[in-house]
Protein backbone atom coordinates (compact mmCIF):
# COMPACT_ATOMS: atom_id res chain seq x y z
CA UNK A 1 -0.16 -0.15 0.17
CA UNK A 2 1.52 3.50 -1.06
CA UNK A 3 0.42 6.55 0.14
CA UNK A 4 0.06 9.36 -2.58
CA UNK A 5 1.58 12.78 -1.39
CA UNK A 6 -1.03 15.23 -3.23
CA UNK A 7 -0.18 19.01 -2.59
CA UNK A 8 -3.59 19.12 -0.75
CA UNK A 9 -2.20 16.62 1.94
CA UNK A 10 1.14 18.13 2.00
CA UNK A 11 -0.80 21.78 2.92
CA UNK A 12 -3.07 19.89 5.50
CA UNK A 13 0.16 18.47 7.17
CA UNK A 14 1.53 21.65 7.24
CA UNK A 15 -1.38 23.32 8.82
CA UNK A 16 -1.46 20.53 11.26
CA UNK A 17 2.14 20.85 12.18
CA UNK A 18 1.52 24.50 12.51
CA UNK A 19 -1.41 24.31 14.68
CA UNK A 20 -0.09 21.92 16.87
CA UNK A 21 3.40 23.60 17.27
CA UNK A 22 1.43 26.89 18.21
CA UNK A 23 -0.38 24.99 21.07
CA UNK A 24 2.99 23.79 22.38
CA UNK A 25 4.63 27.33 22.11
CA UNK A 26 1.45 28.79 23.85
CA UNK A 27 2.01 26.16 26.69
CA UNK A 28 5.80 26.63 27.10
CA UNK A 29 5.38 30.58 27.12
CA UNK A 30 2.87 30.09 29.78
CA UNK A 31 5.27 27.79 32.17
CA UNK A 32 8.01 30.34 31.16
CA UNK A 33 6.15 33.37 32.44
CA UNK A 34 4.54 31.58 35.56
CA UNK A 35 8.31 30.49 36.61
CA UNK A 36 9.62 34.05 35.44
CA UNK A 37 7.08 35.98 37.79
CA UNK A 38 6.38 33.51 40.69
CA UNK A 39 9.69 31.55 40.55
CA UNK A 40 7.40 28.45 41.00
CA UNK A 41 6.68 26.00 38.24
CA UNK A 42 2.74 25.78 37.36
CA UNK A 43 2.22 22.14 36.35
CA UNK A 44 -1.69 22.74 36.23
CA UNK A 45 -1.02 25.17 33.28
CA UNK A 46 -1.99 22.56 30.50
CA UNK A 47 -5.33 21.47 32.73
CA UNK A 48 -6.24 25.05 32.90
CA UNK A 49 -5.92 25.47 29.16
CA UNK A 50 -7.73 22.29 28.72
CA UNK A 51 -10.58 23.58 30.89
CA UNK A 52 -10.90 26.60 28.72
CA UNK A 53 -11.12 24.51 25.71
CA UNK A 54 -13.74 22.36 27.26
CA UNK A 55 -15.72 25.39 28.50
CA UNK A 56 -15.85 26.70 24.84
CA UNK A 57 -17.02 23.42 23.35
CA UNK A 58 -19.76 22.84 25.83
CA UNK A 59 -20.66 26.75 25.14
CA UNK A 60 -20.58 26.13 21.55
CA UNK A 61 -22.79 22.86 21.92
CA UNK A 62 -25.13 24.58 24.12
CA UNK A 63 -25.61 27.39 21.41
CA UNK A 64 -26.19 24.72 18.89
CA UNK A 65 -28.86 23.12 20.88
CA UNK A 66 -30.51 26.33 20.77
CA UNK A 67 -30.24 26.89 17.38
CA UNK A 68 -28.21 30.01 17.64
CA UNK A 69 -25.32 28.73 15.79
CA UNK A 70 -27.69 28.26 12.42
CA UNK A 71 -27.89 32.09 11.64
CA UNK A 72 -24.96 33.50 13.75
CA UNK A 73 -21.50 31.23 13.28
CA UNK A 74 -19.37 33.75 13.96
CA UNK A 75 -20.77 35.34 17.10
CA UNK A 76 -21.26 31.83 18.39
CA UNK A 77 -17.49 31.10 17.87
CA UNK A 78 -16.83 34.33 19.54
CA UNK A 79 -18.67 33.76 22.26
CA UNK A 80 -17.31 30.15 22.91
CA UNK A 81 -13.77 31.79 22.83
CA UNK A 82 -14.60 34.34 25.26
CA UNK A 83 -16.49 32.02 27.41
CA UNK A 84 -13.47 29.63 27.38
CA UNK A 85 -11.06 32.63 28.04
CA UNK A 86 -13.13 33.62 31.10
CA UNK A 87 -13.39 30.14 32.55
CA UNK A 88 -9.46 29.78 32.31
CA UNK A 89 -9.09 33.27 33.80
CA UNK A 90 -10.93 32.50 36.52
CA UNK A 91 -9.51 28.91 37.20
CA UNK A 92 -6.00 30.51 37.01
CA UNK A 93 -7.04 32.92 39.61
CA UNK A 94 -8.54 30.03 42.01
CA UNK A 95 -5.24 28.27 41.49
CA UNK A 96 -3.12 31.38 42.25
CA UNK A 97 -5.24 32.51 45.54
CA UNK A 98 -5.34 28.74 46.93
CA UNK A 99 -2.01 27.27 45.95
CA UNK A 100 0.53 30.15 44.88
CA UNK A 101 -0.21 32.78 47.61
CA UNK A 102 0.34 30.66 50.39
CA UNK A 103 3.67 29.31 49.00
CA UNK A 104 4.97 32.57 47.91
CA UNK A 105 6.56 33.28 51.19
CA UNK A 106 6.96 29.79 52.10
CA UNK A 107 11.07 28.99 52.56
CA UNK A 108 12.22 26.99 49.80
CA UNK A 109 14.18 23.52 51.04
CA UNK A 110 16.20 21.41 48.61
CA UNK A 111 14.91 17.69 48.58
């Protein structure tokens, strides 16, 4: 079985690679920013990212069930993005208040 490489398939794979690379870069940038400011590594960064993604998905699915996406596709996608950003922001604030604030002034002890 051989795979025929068509220009459409190559362009699709380039877009897939750029998309996945952008996601990796976004997560790495988040790790770098949090470590640079707090001097603590936030291993929950990916989970916060996924909570926002799932929130956007569920908002979009809810709008689809209401029939709103049939006439307002771009607005529905915008609402899903904003909803995902709000959920990610609120979860990030919650993690900072509950986890990082108590540890900020704690002494650092090597293992």
